[in-house]
Protein backbone atom coordinates (compact mmCIF):
# COMPACT_ATOMS: atom_id res chain seq x y z
CA UNK A 1 -54.96 4.06 60.13
CA UNK A 2 -52.26 6.74 60.46
CA UNK A 3 -52.80 10.39 59.59
CA UNK A 4 -50.35 12.41 57.49
CA UNK A 5 -50.05 16.14 56.88
CA UNK A 6 -50.77 17.70 53.51
CA UNK A 7 -47.33 19.32 53.31
CA UNK A 8 -45.40 16.16 54.08
CA UNK A 9 -47.39 14.04 51.65
CA UNK A 10 -46.94 16.59 48.87
CA UNK A 11 -43.23 16.77 49.62
CA UNK A 12 -42.87 13.00 49.49
CA UNK A 13 -44.86 12.55 46.28
CA UNK A 14 -42.98 15.41 44.59
CA UNK A 15 -39.67 13.76 45.57
CA UNK A 16 -40.81 10.43 44.13
CA UNK A 17 -41.95 12.08 40.89
CA UNK A 18 -38.69 14.02 40.61
CA UNK A 19 -36.70 10.83 41.21
CA UNK A 20 -38.69 9.24 38.35
CA UNK A 21 -37.60 12.05 35.99
CA UNK A 22 -40.31 14.69 36.40
CA UNK A 23 -38.90 18.27 36.55
CA UNK A 24 -39.15 19.81 40.01
CA UNK A 25 -41.88 22.37 39.23
CA UNK A 26 -43.97 19.79 37.39
CA UNK A 27 -43.48 17.30 40.24
CA UNK A 28 -44.96 19.90 42.60
CA UNK A 29 -48.07 20.32 40.42
CA UNK A 30 -48.47 16.56 40.14
CA UNK A 31 -48.17 16.06 43.91
CA UNK A 32 -50.56 18.93 44.67
CA UNK A 33 -53.25 17.48 42.39
CA UNK A 34 -53.10 14.00 43.95
CA UNK A 35 -53.12 15.27 47.52
CA UNK A 36 -55.93 17.73 46.75
CA UNK A 37 -58.14 14.88 45.52
CA UNK A 38 -57.29 12.88 48.63
CA UNK A 39 -58.20 15.78 50.91
CA UNK A 40 -61.52 16.33 49.15
CA UNK A 41 -62.39 12.68 49.76
CA UNK A 42 -61.96 11.71 46.08
CA UNK A 43 -59.57 8.93 47.06
CA UNK A 44 -60.18 6.99 43.83
CA UNK A 45 -58.34 9.78 41.98
CA UNK A 46 -55.80 10.58 44.65
CA UNK A 47 -52.63 9.02 46.01
CA UNK A 48 -53.78 5.49 45.23
CA UNK A 49 -53.12 6.31 41.55
CA UNK A 50 -49.47 7.26 42.14
CA UNK A 51 -48.32 3.66 41.73
CA UNK A 52 -49.59 3.28 38.15
CA UNK A 53 -48.36 6.74 37.08
CA UNK A 54 -44.84 5.92 38.27
CA UNK A 55 -45.00 2.48 36.67
CA UNK A 56 -45.95 3.95 33.32
CA UNK A 57 -43.18 6.57 33.57
CA UNK A 58 -40.58 3.89 34.25
CA UNK A 59 -41.91 1.78 31.36
CA UNK A 60 -41.57 4.72 28.97
CA UNK A 61 -45.34 5.04 28.51
CA UNK A 62 -45.47 8.57 29.99
CA UNK A 63 -42.90 11.22 29.07
CA UNK A 64 -42.06 12.78 32.46
CA UNK A 65 -40.50 15.94 31.00
CA UNK A 66 -42.85 16.47 28.04
CA UNK A 67 -43.35 20.02 26.71
CA UNK A 68 -46.73 21.32 25.57
CA UNK A 69 -47.16 22.02 21.89
CA UNK A 70 -49.87 24.45 20.76
CA UNK A 71 -50.94 23.00 17.40
CA UNK A 72 -53.13 25.93 16.50
CA UNK A 73 -54.57 29.11 17.96
CA UNK A 74 -57.59 31.02 16.72
CA UNK A 75 -58.38 34.01 18.90
CA UNK A 76 -58.79 32.62 22.41
CA UNK A 77 -59.13 28.99 21.23
CA UNK A 78 -56.20 26.59 21.57
CA UNK A 79 -55.62 23.12 20.19
CA UNK A 80 -52.89 21.54 22.31
CA UNK A 81 -50.71 18.43 22.08
CA UNK A 82 -49.74 17.22 25.58
CA UNK A 83 -46.80 15.30 24.06
CA UNK A 84 -47.68 12.19 26.11
CA UNK A 85 -46.82 13.99 29.34
CA UNK A 86 -48.40 13.71 32.77
CA UNK A 87 -52.05 14.66 32.39
CA UNK A 88 -52.21 16.69 35.60
CA UNK A 89 -49.19 18.76 34.69
CA UNK A 90 -50.17 19.41 31.08
CA UNK A 91 -53.78 20.31 31.92
CA UNK A 92 -52.57 22.77 34.57
CA UNK A 93 -50.20 24.31 32.02
CA UNK A 94 -53.04 24.71 29.53
CA UNK A 95 -55.24 26.32 32.19
CA UNK A 96 -52.46 28.81 32.87
CA UNK A 97 -52.47 29.67 29.14
CA UNK A 98 -56.24 30.21 29.18
CA UNK A 99 -56.37 32.72 32.06
CA UNK A 100 -54.91 35.70 30.16
CA UNK A 101 -56.99 34.84 27.09
CA UNK A 102 -60.21 34.78 29.13
CA UNK A 103 -59.16 37.98 30.90
CA UNK A 104 -58.86 39.70 27.55
CA UNK A 105 -61.72 38.11 25.63
CA UNK A 106 -64.15 36.98 28.35
CA UNK A 107 -63.94 33.33 27.34
CA UNK A 108 -61.19 30.93 26.30
CA UNK A 109 -61.21 27.23 25.46
CA UNK A 110 -58.76 24.44 24.66
CA UNK A 111 -58.75 20.89 23.48
CA UNK A 112 -55.89 18.65 24.64
CA UNK A 113 -54.81 15.46 22.88
CA UNK A 114 -52.05 12.92 23.44
CA UNK A 115 -52.56 13.09 27.21
CA UNK A 116 -53.17 10.69 30.09
CA UNK A 117 -55.71 10.17 32.84
CA UNK A 118 -55.43 13.53 34.60
CA UNK A 119 -57.04 12.96 37.98
CA UNK A 120 -60.04 14.76 39.43
CA UNK A 121 -61.53 17.47 37.22
CA UNK A 122 -62.51 19.43 40.32
CA UNK A 123 -58.82 20.23 40.96
CA UNK A 124 -58.72 22.45 37.86
CA UNK A 125 -62.26 23.78 38.26
CA UNK A 126 -61.64 24.83 41.87
CA UNK A 127 -58.39 26.57 40.89
CA UNK A 128 -60.36 28.64 38.39
CA UNK A 129 -63.07 29.43 40.95
CA UNK A 130 -60.42 30.67 43.40
CA UNK A 131 -59.45 33.26 40.79
CA UNK A 132 -63.03 34.34 40.11
CA UNK A 133 -63.51 32.33 36.92
CA UNK A 134 -65.78 29.45 35.93
CA UNK A 135 -64.16 26.43 34.31
CA UNK A 136 -66.15 23.80 32.45
CA UNK A 137 -64.04 20.66 32.04
CA UNK A 138 -64.53 17.29 30.36
CA UNK A 139 -62.34 14.29 29.65
CA UNK A 140 -62.49 11.04 27.78
CA UNK A 141 -60.95 7.90 29.18
CA UNK A 142 -60.14 4.26 28.66
CA UNK A 143 -63.14 2.10 27.68
CA UNK A 144 -65.21 1.27 30.75
CA UNK A 145 -68.85 1.96 29.86
CA UNK A 146 -71.02 0.56 27.09
CA UNK A 147 -73.57 2.58 25.13
CA UNK A 148 -77.17 2.06 26.22
CA UNK A 149 -78.17 -1.46 25.21
CA UNK A 150 -74.58 -2.62 24.67
CA UNK A 151 -72.43 -4.98 26.75
CA UNK A 152 -68.92 -4.03 25.58
CA UNK A 153 -67.15 -0.92 26.89
CA UNK A 154 -66.85 1.93 24.42
CA UNK A 155 -66.75 5.14 26.46
CA UNK A 156 -64.69 6.04 29.46
CA UNK A 157 -66.72 7.12 32.46
CA UNK A 158 -66.51 10.51 30.69
CA UNK A 159 -66.85 12.98 33.56
CA UNK A 160 -67.98 16.58 33.27
CA UNK A 161 -67.27 19.26 35.87
CA UNK A 162 -67.61 22.94 36.71
CA UNK A 163 -66.94 25.04 39.81
CA UNK A 164 -68.46 28.41 40.70
CA UNK A 165 -66.95 30.93 43.14
CA UNK A 166 -69.10 31.97 46.10
CA UNK A 167 -68.82 34.15 49.16
CA UNK A 168 -69.45 31.16 51.41
CA UNK A 169 -65.86 30.01 51.81
CA UNK A 170 -66.22 27.14 49.34
CA UNK A 171 -67.01 26.85 45.62
CA UNK A 172 -70.14 25.22 44.28
CA UNK A 173 -68.52 22.21 42.61
CA UNK A 174 -70.17 19.81 40.17
CA UNK A 175 -67.87 16.91 39.25
CA UNK A 176 -69.60 13.76 38.08
CA UNK A 177 -69.02 10.84 35.80
CA UNK A 178 -71.64 10.00 33.22
CA UNK A 179 -71.55 6.43 34.52
CA UNK A 180 -73.74 5.38 37.41
CA UNK A 181 -70.57 5.28 39.50
CA UNK A 182 -66.91 6.20 38.94
CA UNK A 183 -64.90 3.19 37.77
CA UNK A 184 -62.41 3.98 40.54
CA UNK A 185 -65.01 2.78 43.06
CA UNK A 186 -65.09 -0.61 41.36
CA UNK A 187 -61.28 -0.72 41.31
CA UNK A 188 -61.31 0.05 45.05
CA UNK A 189 -63.81 -2.77 45.66
CA UNK A 190 -61.64 -5.16 43.68
CA UNK A 191 -58.57 -4.22 45.73
CA UNK A 192 -60.56 -4.78 48.93
CA UNK A 193 -62.03 -8.05 47.60
CA UNK A 194 -65.49 -6.58 48.29
CA UNK A 195 -68.75 -6.87 46.31
CA UNK A 196 -70.29 -3.95 44.46
CA UNK A 197 -73.98 -2.95 44.58
CA UNK A 198 -76.30 -4.41 41.98
CA UNK A 199 -76.98 -1.87 39.26
CA UNK A 200 -73.43 -0.56 39.00
CA UNK A 201 -72.21 -2.80 36.19
CA UNK A 202 -72.71 -5.80 33.91
CA UNK A 203 -70.35 -8.68 33.21
CA UNK A 204 -68.84 -9.66 29.85
CA UNK A 205 -72.15 -11.15 28.72
CA UNK A 206 -74.13 -8.06 29.64
CA UNK A 207 -75.64 -9.61 32.77
CA UNK A 208 -75.92 -7.65 36.07
CA UNK A 209 -73.13 -8.49 38.53
CA UNK A 210 -71.99 -7.70 42.08
CA UNK A 211 -68.49 -9.12 41.42
CA UNK A 212 -66.00 -6.26 41.07
CA UNK A 213 -63.60 -8.34 38.96
CA UNK A 214 -66.37 -9.35 36.56
CA UNK A 215 -67.52 -5.75 36.40
CA UNK A 216 -64.02 -4.62 35.37
CA UNK A 217 -64.02 -7.25 32.64
CA UNK A 218 -67.51 -6.20 31.61
CA UNK A 219 -68.94 -2.70 31.63
CA UNK A 220 -69.96 0.05 34.01
CA UNK A 221 -73.52 1.25 33.38
CA UNK A 222 -74.43 4.78 32.30
CA UNK A 223 -76.19 7.05 34.77
CA UNK A 224 -79.93 7.44 34.13
CA UNK A 225 -79.89 5.01 31.20
CA UNK A 226 -80.15 6.71 27.82
CA UNK A 227 -79.64 10.18 29.36
CA UNK A 228 -76.22 9.20 30.70
CA UNK A 229 -75.41 7.62 27.35
CA UNK A 230 -76.22 10.90 25.58
CA UNK A 231 -74.04 12.88 28.00
CA UNK A 232 -71.20 10.37 27.59
CA UNK A 233 -71.34 10.82 23.84
CA UNK A 234 -71.32 14.61 24.23
CA UNK A 235 -68.17 14.41 26.40
CA UNK A 236 -66.58 12.00 23.88
CA UNK A 237 -67.13 14.47 21.04
CA UNK A 238 -65.76 17.47 22.97
CA UNK A 239 -62.81 15.61 24.52
CA UNK A 240 -61.83 12.99 21.96
CA UNK A 241 -63.32 13.76 18.54
CA UNK A 242 -62.79 17.54 18.57
CA UNK A 243 -59.29 17.31 20.07
CA UNK A 244 -57.87 14.74 17.66
CA UNK A 245 -57.21 12.30 20.52
CA UNK A 246 -58.00 8.60 20.43
CA UNK A 247 -61.71 7.72 20.47
CA UNK A 248 -63.55 5.04 22.46
CA UNK A 249 -61.71 1.68 22.38
CA UNK A 250 -58.75 3.41 20.71
CA UNK A 251 -57.83 4.97 24.06
CA UNK A 252 -55.17 2.96 25.86
CA UNK A 253 -55.97 1.43 29.24
CA UNK A 254 -54.03 2.89 32.14
CA UNK A 255 -53.76 -0.50 33.83
CA UNK A 256 -54.08 -3.11 31.07
CA UNK A 257 -52.27 -1.67 28.05
CA UNK A 258 -48.73 -1.55 29.36
CA UNK A 259 -47.33 -1.53 25.83
CA UNK A 260 -48.84 1.67 24.40
CA UNK A 261 -49.69 5.23 25.31
CA UNK A 262 -53.22 6.26 26.30
CA UNK A 263 -53.77 9.30 24.03
CA UNK A 264 -56.57 10.69 26.21
CA UNK A 265 -58.33 13.91 25.17
CA UNK A 266 -59.62 16.73 27.38
CA UNK A 267 -61.75 19.84 26.87
CA UNK A 268 -61.47 23.03 28.96
CA UNK A 269 -63.66 26.13 28.63
CA UNK A 270 -62.83 29.08 30.89
CA UNK A 271 -65.30 31.91 31.49
CA UNK A 272 -64.40 35.29 32.99
CA UNK A 273 -67.38 36.18 35.18
CA UNK A 274 -66.59 39.88 34.94
CA UNK A 275 -67.30 39.75 31.18
CA UNK A 276 -70.89 38.71 31.91
CA UNK A 277 -71.72 40.38 35.20
CA UNK A 278 -70.10 42.43 37.93
CA UNK A 279 -68.30 39.89 40.12
CA UNK A 280 -69.78 41.27 43.36
CA UNK A 281 -73.25 40.97 41.87
CA UNK A 282 -72.54 37.38 40.76
CA UNK A 283 -71.41 36.47 44.28
CA UNK A 284 -74.48 38.11 45.79
CA UNK A 285 -76.75 36.17 43.43
CA UNK A 286 -75.08 32.79 43.85
CA UNK A 287 -74.93 33.18 47.65
CA UNK A 288 -78.62 34.04 47.64
CA UNK A 289 -79.30 30.94 45.56
CA UNK A 290 -77.39 28.80 48.05
CA UNK A 291 -79.28 30.35 50.97
CA UNK A 292 -82.62 29.67 49.28
CA UNK A 293 -81.68 26.06 48.56
CA UNK A 294 -80.52 25.42 52.10
CA UNK A 295 -83.68 27.03 53.48
CA UNK A 296 -85.87 24.58 51.55
CA UNK A 297 -88.24 22.45 53.56
CA UNK A 298 -86.35 19.29 54.48
CA UNK A 299 -87.52 15.71 54.21
CA UNK A 300 -88.07 13.72 57.36
CA UNK A 301 -84.77 12.77 59.02
CA UNK A 302 -82.67 15.24 57.00
CA UNK A 303 -80.70 17.60 59.24
CA UNK A 304 -79.19 19.81 56.57
CA UNK A 305 -79.43 20.36 52.82
CA UNK A 306 -75.97 20.56 51.29
CA UNK A 307 -75.04 22.09 47.95
CA UNK A 308 -72.58 20.37 45.61
CA UNK A 309 -69.01 20.98 46.75
CA UNK A 310 -69.88 21.64 50.38
CA UNK A 311 -69.07 18.14 51.59
CA UNK A 312 -65.76 18.13 49.67
CA UNK A 313 -64.84 21.48 51.22
CA UNK A 314 -65.56 20.15 54.70
CA UNK A 315 -63.48 17.05 53.98
CA UNK A 316 -60.61 19.26 52.89
CA UNK A 317 -60.85 21.44 55.99
CA UNK A 318 -60.91 18.35 58.19
CA UNK A 319 -57.90 16.86 56.40
CA UNK A 320 -55.97 20.13 56.74
CA UNK A 321 -56.71 20.28 60.46
CA UNK A 322 -56.32 16.64 61.44
CA UNK A 323 -54.32 14.95 58.70
CA UNK A 324 -54.92 12.67 55.73
CA UNK A 325 -55.68 8.98 56.22
CA UNK A 326 -54.07 6.52 53.80
CA UNK A 327 -55.14 2.92 53.32
CA UNK A 328 -52.59 0.21 54.23
CA UNK A 329 -52.31 -0.71 50.54
CA UNK A 330 -51.53 2.83 49.42
CA UNK A 331 -49.06 3.29 52.27
CA UNK A 332 -47.30 0.05 51.29
CA UNK A 333 -47.01 1.26 47.68
CA UNK A 334 -45.45 4.53 48.85
CA UNK A 335 -42.92 2.63 50.92
CA UNK A 336 -42.05 0.36 47.97
CA UNK A 337 -41.50 3.31 45.64
CA UNK A 338 -39.32 5.05 48.22
CA UNK A 339 -37.10 1.97 48.32
CA UNK A 340 -37.09 1.62 44.54
CA UNK A 341 -36.26 5.27 43.86
CA UNK A 342 -33.98 5.75 46.88
CA UNK A 343 -36.18 8.42 48.47
CA UNK A 344 -36.05 8.82 52.23
CA UNK A 345 -39.17 7.59 54.03
CA UNK A 346 -39.39 8.68 57.65
CA UNK A 347 -41.70 10.72 59.84
CA UNK A 348 -39.35 13.65 60.31
CA UNK A 349 -38.77 14.21 56.60
CA UNK A 350 -41.77 12.92 54.69
CA UNK A 351 -44.64 11.64 56.78
CA UNK A 352 -45.92 12.33 60.22
């Protein structure tokens, strides 16, 4: 498996997006978000998704040059229409609107409707942490997960995320789906023609399955049973109900519904740490918390206790130093899109 540099991959993906009609600045944001996920090790939300985004743009299902519309503003609260644009771009634009509001008022929040799948939530949360803020983010998604006791998908995997700045060189990052596993892992197993572990999903009849294809036709299971179901419903209300976006089965499938938009909803809540506590004191306290956790007595065979976000940060450092590995399938899709959009594909210009 070949290794590719961050800069060259971002350049290539931005060129492909621009060739598909995405404005240059937006194409850069889009490329950065996909490569960032790849570098963190969140490959299910990284470059492997480029193919379907470009397909949907070419089919007229995503507006590549969409402009945000702020439907209403009350103090530091925004209700935003993404105008069926690229989810990564529109969410980043909304976050940029929230920073000055949180700076002034201590907290700012936004709902986003009429959007798409927008990649890994940790991309936005980590950006906020780099600036000394805390971002709480949620998103709905295409039906993949049934309510507890059901066998038909209603919810997306409905992730929730937050990142916290530290003085350790990496943010504490919580980014988890309310399903027992991200649906992207089942998609990856299907592509690889591999089985999935028992307990991940049920088939169309509600029976446990290890067949990835049957799982995609059936339903992913909620994490921790009824507790995951409750969290999924909470995310659905914040992201879909409150925003005015589509709800549950009304959300279009990224892969299956190639005749209608998705209308995904998101929720972002940005907190200015300085409004609550002196930033230096916050960093001292969170670093002390990390130190205490890592100093905990370890179980037999455990060499190190990690905190959430530490492994992702190490993955990113390793990718920056040694390059990013792409699967043969993802590499083949990149090559096909370069041919289709007449974008140069060679080591000197795009990949190395």
